């Protein structure tokens, strides 16, 4: 990614795809925690990029 505080959408998409590919290749019992971490990271990224959060 070019900058952790402001990643390019394509970079974020590629990183997400790579993370999903890695998760899907993991044993089933290890996937839930990985999906949860990925969801938390994506949620945080969306919250940081949401202009309405900085206006309030």
PDB file of N, CA and C in Angstrom:
ATOM      1  N   UNK A   1       0.829  -1.175   0.000  1.00  0.00           N
ATOM      2  CA  UNK A   1       0.000   0.000   0.000  1.00  0.00           C
ATOM      3  C   UNK A   1       0.874   1.238   0.000  1.00  0.00           C
ATOM      4  N   UNK A   2       0.384   2.281  -0.604  1.00  0.00           N
ATOM      5  CA  UNK A   2       1.186   3.474  -0.732  1.00  0.00           C
ATOM      6  C   UNK A   2       1.319   4.242   0.567  1.00  0.00           C
ATOM      7  N   UNK A   3       0.249   4.313   1.364  1.00  0.00           N
ATOM      8  CA  UNK A   3       0.245   5.052   2.626  1.00  0.00           C
ATOM      9  C   UNK A   3      -0.821   4.436   3.510  1.00  0.00           C
ATOM     10  N   UNK A   4      -0.448   3.982   4.683  1.00  0.00           N
ATOM     11  CA  UNK A   4      -1.399   3.276   5.546  1.00  0.00           C
ATOM     12  C   UNK A   4      -2.573   4.146   5.951  1.00  0.00           C
ATOM     13  N   UNK A   5      -2.376   5.464   6.024  1.00  0.00           N
ATOM     14  CA  UNK A   5      -3.477   6.336   6.433  1.00  0.00           C
ATOM     15  C   UNK A   5      -4.387   6.697   5.268  1.00  0.00           C
ATOM     16  N   UNK A   6      -3.951   6.499   4.040  1.00  0.00           N
ATOM     17  CA  UNK A   6      -4.757   6.842   2.881  1.00  0.00           C
ATOM     18  C   UNK A   6      -4.428   5.912   1.717  1.00  0.00           C
ATOM     19  N   UNK A   7      -4.751   4.621   1.852  1.00  0.00           N
ATOM     20  CA  UNK A   7      -4.405   3.665   0.796  1.00  0.00           C
ATOM     21  C   UNK A   7      -5.235   3.892  -0.455  1.00  0.00           C
ATOM     22  N   UNK A   8      -4.640   3.601  -1.577  1.00  0.00           N
ATOM     23  CA  UNK A   8      -5.375   3.665  -2.836  1.00  0.00           C
ATOM     24  C   UNK A   8      -6.417   2.558  -2.842  1.00  0.00           C
ATOM     25  N   UNK A   9      -7.603   2.823  -3.401  1.00  0.00           N
ATOM     26  CA  UNK A   9      -8.649   1.780  -3.435  1.00  0.00           C
ATOM     27  C   UNK A   9      -8.180   0.484  -4.087  1.00  0.00           C
ATOM     28  N   UNK A  10      -7.440   0.577  -5.162  1.00  0.00           N
ATOM     29  CA  UNK A  10      -6.956  -0.623  -5.839  1.00  0.00           C
ATOM     30  C   UNK A  10      -6.024  -1.422  -4.945  1.00  0.00           C
ATOM     31  N   UNK A  11      -5.126  -0.715  -4.229  1.00  0.00           N
ATOM     32  CA  UNK A  11      -4.200  -1.388  -3.316  1.00  0.00           C
ATOM     33  C   UNK A  11      -4.962  -2.094  -2.201  1.00  0.00           C
ATOM     34  N   UNK A  12      -5.972  -1.414  -1.647  1.00  0.00           N
ATOM     35  CA  UNK A  12      -6.774  -2.003  -0.586  1.00  0.00           C
ATOM     36  C   UNK A  12      -7.527  -3.222  -1.106  1.00  0.00           C
ATOM     37  N   UNK A  13      -8.067  -3.115  -2.306  1.00  0.00           N
ATOM     38  CA  UNK A  13      -8.787  -4.228  -2.911  1.00  0.00           C
ATOM     39  C   UNK A  13      -7.861  -5.417  -3.140  1.00  0.00           C
ATOM     40  N   UNK A  14      -6.679  -5.160  -3.642  1.00  0.00           N
ATOM     41  CA  UNK A  14      -5.712  -6.234  -3.878  1.00  0.00           C
ATOM     42  C   UNK A  14      -5.260  -6.866  -2.562  1.00  0.00           C
ATOM     43  N   UNK A  15      -5.056  -6.041  -1.549  1.00  0.00           N
ATOM     44  CA  UNK A  15      -4.651  -6.567  -0.243  1.00  0.00           C
ATOM     45  C   UNK A  15      -5.770  -7.409   0.365  1.00  0.00           C
ATOM     46  N   UNK A  16      -7.005  -6.964   0.183  1.00  0.00           N
ATOM     47  CA  UNK A  16      -8.153  -7.714   0.702  1.00  0.00           C
ATOM     48  C   UNK A  16      -8.275  -9.053  -0.008  1.00  0.00           C
ATOM     49  N   UNK A  17      -8.132  -9.058  -1.309  1.00  0.00           N
ATOM     50  CA  UNK A  17      -8.202 -10.300  -2.088  1.00  0.00           C
ATOM     51  C   UNK A  17      -7.107 -11.261  -1.640  1.00  0.00           C
ATOM     52  N   UNK A  18      -5.898 -10.742  -1.436  1.00  0.00           N
ATOM     53  CA  UNK A  18      -4.787 -11.588  -1.000  1.00  0.00           C
ATOM     54  C   UNK A  18      -5.073 -12.166   0.388  1.00  0.00           C
ATOM     55  N   UNK A  19      -5.621 -11.337   1.282  1.00  0.00           N
ATOM     56  CA  UNK A  19      -5.955 -11.818   2.625  1.00  0.00           C
ATOM     57  C   UNK A  19      -7.032 -12.893   2.559  1.00  0.00           C
ATOM     58  N   UNK A  20      -8.037 -12.691   1.718  1.00  0.00           N
ATOM     59  CA  UNK A  20      -9.097 -13.698   1.574  1.00  0.00           C
ATOM     60  C   UNK A  20      -8.548 -14.999   1.006  1.00  0.00           C
ATOM     61  N   UNK A  21      -7.679 -14.897   0.019  1.00  0.00           N
ATOM     62  CA  UNK A  21      -7.076 -16.101  -0.555  1.00  0.00           C
ATOM     63  C   UNK A  21      -6.300 -16.874   0.509  1.00  0.00           C
ATOM     64  N   UNK A  22      -5.567 -16.132   1.342  1.00  0.00           N
ATOM     65  CA  UNK A  22      -4.802 -16.778   2.407  1.00  0.00           C
ATOM     66  C   UNK A  22      -5.733 -17.426   3.432  1.00  0.00           C
ATOM     67  N   UNK A  23      -6.784 -16.721   3.810  1.00  0.00           N
ATOM     68  CA  UNK A  23      -7.752 -17.262   4.776  1.00  0.00           C
ATOM     69  C   UNK A  23      -8.412 -18.522   4.240  1.00  0.00           C
ATOM     70  N   UNK A  24      -8.795 -18.493   2.975  1.00  0.00           N
ATOM     71  CA  UNK A  24      -9.504 -19.631   2.398  1.00  0.00           C
ATOM     72  C   UNK A  24      -8.621 -20.855   2.242  1.00  0.00           C
ATOM     73  N   UNK A  25      -7.310 -20.651   2.273  1.00  0.00           N
ATOM     74  CA  UNK A  25      -6.408 -21.800   2.188  1.00  0.00           C
ATOM     75  C   UNK A  25      -6.049 -22.347   3.570  1.00  0.00           C
ATOM     76  N   UNK A  26      -6.444 -21.628   4.615  1.00  0.00           N
ATOM     77  CA  UNK A  26      -6.156 -22.065   5.990  1.00  0.00           C
ATOM     78  C   UNK A  26      -7.129 -23.169   6.403  1.00  0.00           C
ATOM     79  N   UNK A  27      -6.743 -23.958   7.401  1.00  0.00           N
ATOM     80  CA  UNK A  27      -7.671 -24.963   7.929  1.00  0.00           C
ATOM     81  C   UNK A  27      -8.944 -24.297   8.439  1.00  0.00           C
ATOM     82  N   UNK A  28     -10.054 -24.966   8.290  1.00  0.00           N
ATOM     83  CA  UNK A  28     -11.355 -24.428   8.639  1.00  0.00           C
ATOM     84  C   UNK A  28     -11.406 -23.862  10.054  1.00  0.00           C
ATOM     85  N   UNK A  29     -10.820 -24.551  11.006  1.00  0.00           N
ATOM     86  CA  UNK A  29     -10.893 -24.102  12.395  1.00  0.00           C
ATOM     87  C   UNK A  29     -10.113 -22.809  12.651  1.00  0.00           C
ATOM     88  N   UNK A  30      -9.255 -22.406  11.730  1.00  0.00           N
ATOM     89  CA  UNK A  30      -8.477 -21.177  11.885  1.00  0.00           C
ATOM     90  C   UNK A  30      -9.100 -19.994  11.147  1.00  0.00           C
ATOM     91  N   UNK A  31     -10.079 -20.236  10.329  1.00  0.00           N
ATOM     92  CA  UNK A  31     -10.620 -19.180   9.474  1.00  0.00           C
ATOM     93  C   UNK A  31     -11.431 -18.126  10.213  1.00  0.00           C
ATOM     94  N   UNK A  32     -12.222 -18.515  11.194  1.00  0.00           N
ATOM     95  CA  UNK A  32     -13.120 -17.557  11.863  1.00  0.00           C
ATOM     96  C   UNK A  32     -12.349 -16.373  12.438  1.00  0.00           C
ATOM     97  N   UNK A  33     -11.276 -16.643  13.143  1.00  0.00           N
ATOM     98  CA  UNK A  33     -10.491 -15.554  13.732  1.00  0.00           C
ATOM     99  C   UNK A  33      -9.900 -14.658  12.644  1.00  0.00           C
ATOM    100  N   UNK A  34      -9.446 -15.256  11.570  1.00  0.00           N
ATOM    101  CA  UNK A  34      -8.883 -14.479  10.467  1.00  0.00           C
ATOM    102  C   UNK A  34      -9.918 -13.610   9.784  1.00  0.00           C
ATOM    103  N   UNK A  35     -11.111 -14.172   9.570  1.00  0.00           N
ATOM    104  CA  UNK A  35     -12.187 -13.371   8.974  1.00  0.00           C
ATOM    105  C   UNK A  35     -12.572 -12.229   9.898  1.00  0.00           C
ATOM    106  N   UNK A  36     -12.597 -12.476  11.188  1.00  0.00           N
ATOM    107  CA  UNK A  36     -12.943 -11.434  12.159  1.00  0.00           C
ATOM    108  C   UNK A  36     -11.906 -10.311  12.123  1.00  0.00           C
ATOM    109  N   UNK A  37     -10.631 -10.673  12.086  1.00  0.00           N
ATOM    110  CA  UNK A  37      -9.567  -9.662  12.022  1.00  0.00           C
ATOM    111  C   UNK A  37      -9.666  -8.854  10.733  1.00  0.00           C
ATOM    112  N   UNK A  38      -9.929  -9.521   9.627  1.00  0.00           N
ATOM    113  CA  UNK A  38     -10.057  -8.826   8.357  1.00  0.00           C
ATOM    114  C   UNK A  38     -11.254  -7.879   8.383  1.00  0.00           C
ATOM    115  N   UNK A  39     -12.372  -8.331   8.912  1.00  0.00           N
ATOM    116  CA  UNK A  39     -13.564  -7.484   9.009  1.00  0.00           C
ATOM    117  C   UNK A  39     -13.282  -6.263   9.881  1.00  0.00           C
ATOM    118  N   UNK A  40     -12.589  -6.458  10.996  1.00  0.00           N
ATOM    119  CA  UNK A  40     -12.253  -5.334  11.874  1.00  0.00           C
ATOM    120  C   UNK A  40     -11.347  -4.333  11.160  1.00  0.00           C
ATOM    121  N   UNK A  41     -10.375  -4.828  10.421  1.00  0.00           N
ATOM    122  CA  UNK A  41      -9.463  -3.951   9.692  1.00  0.00           C
ATOM    123  C   UNK A  41     -10.204  -3.169   8.603  1.00  0.00           C
ATOM    124  N   UNK A  42     -11.083  -3.845   7.879  1.00  0.00           N
ATOM    125  CA  UNK A  42     -11.849  -3.167   6.836  1.00  0.00           C
ATOM    126  C   UNK A  42     -12.800  -2.138   7.438  1.00  0.00           C
ATOM    127  N   UNK A  43     -13.435  -2.478   8.550  1.00  0.00           N
ATOM    128  CA  UNK A  43     -14.338  -1.538   9.224  1.00  0.00           C
ATOM    129  C   UNK A  43     -13.569  -0.290   9.644  1.00  0.00           C
ATOM    130  N   UNK A  44     -12.404  -0.485  10.228  1.00  0.00           N
ATOM    131  CA  UNK A  44     -11.578   0.635  10.659  1.00  0.00           C
ATOM    132  C   UNK A  44     -11.191   1.505   9.466  1.00  0.00           C
ATOM    133  N   UNK A  45     -10.826   0.878   8.368  1.00  0.00           N
ATOM    134  CA  UNK A  45     -10.447   1.607   7.157  1.00  0.00           C
ATOM    135  C   UNK A  45     -11.620   2.428   6.629  1.00  0.00           C
ATOM    136  N   UNK A  46     -12.792   1.837   6.620  1.00  0.00           N
ATOM    137  CA  UNK A  46     -13.977   2.558   6.158  1.00  0.00           C
ATOM    138  C   UNK A  46     -14.311   3.728   7.070  1.00  0.00           C
ATOM    139  N   UNK A  47     -14.198   3.519   8.373  1.00  0.00           N
ATOM    140  CA  UNK A  47     -14.491   4.589   9.323  1.00  0.00           C
ATOM    141  C   UNK A  47     -13.513   5.746   9.159  1.00  0.00           C
ATOM    142  N   UNK A  48     -12.255   5.450   8.895  1.00  0.00           N
ATOM    143  CA  UNK A  48     -11.252   6.502   8.711  1.00  0.00           C
ATOM    144  C   UNK A  48     -11.481   7.277   7.424  1.00  0.00           C
ATOM    145  N   UNK A  49     -12.032   6.627   6.416  1.00  0.00           N
ATOM    146  CA  UNK A  49     -12.230   7.286   5.127  1.00  0.00           C
ATOM    147  C   UNK A  49     -13.601   7.919   4.989  1.00  0.00           C
ATOM    148  N   UNK A  50     -14.435   7.819   6.019  1.00  0.00           N
ATOM    149  CA  UNK A  50     -15.800   8.363   5.976  1.00  0.00           C
ATOM    150  C   UNK A  50     -15.778   9.852   6.312  1.00  0.00           C
ATOM    151  N   UNK A  51     -16.041  10.719   5.325  1.00  0.00           N
ATOM    152  CA  UNK A  51     -15.988  12.158   5.578  1.00  0.00           C
ATOM    153  C   UNK A  51     -17.012  12.630   6.607  1.00  0.00           C
ATOM    154  N   UNK A  52     -18.124  11.941   6.767  1.00  0.00           N
ATOM    155  CA  UNK A  52     -19.130  12.380   7.723  1.00  0.00           C
ATOM    156  C   UNK A  52     -18.641  12.212   9.155  1.00  0.00           C
ATOM    157  N   UNK A  53     -17.703  11.323   9.386  1.00  0.00           N
ATOM    158  CA  UNK A  53     -17.163  11.138  10.738  1.00  0.00           C
ATOM    159  C   UNK A  53     -16.266  12.289  11.133  1.00  0.00           C
ATOM    160  N   UNK A  54     -15.567  12.881  10.197  1.00  0.00           N
ATOM    161  CA  UNK A  54     -14.679  13.988  10.527  1.00  0.00           C
ATOM    162  C   UNK A  54     -15.426  15.320  10.601  1.00  0.00           C
ATOM    163  N   UNK A  55     -16.621  15.381  10.031  1.00  0.00           N
ATOM    164  CA  UNK A  55     -17.409  16.615  10.042  1.00  0.00           C
ATOM    165  C   UNK A  55     -18.204  16.764  11.323  1.00  0.00           C
ATOM    166  N   UNK A  56     -18.360  15.688  12.086  1.00  0.00           N
ATOM    167  CA  UNK A  56     -19.219  15.732  13.255  1.00  0.00           C
ATOM    168  C   UNK A  56     -18.506  15.961  14.475  1.00  0.00           C
TER     169      UNK A  56
END
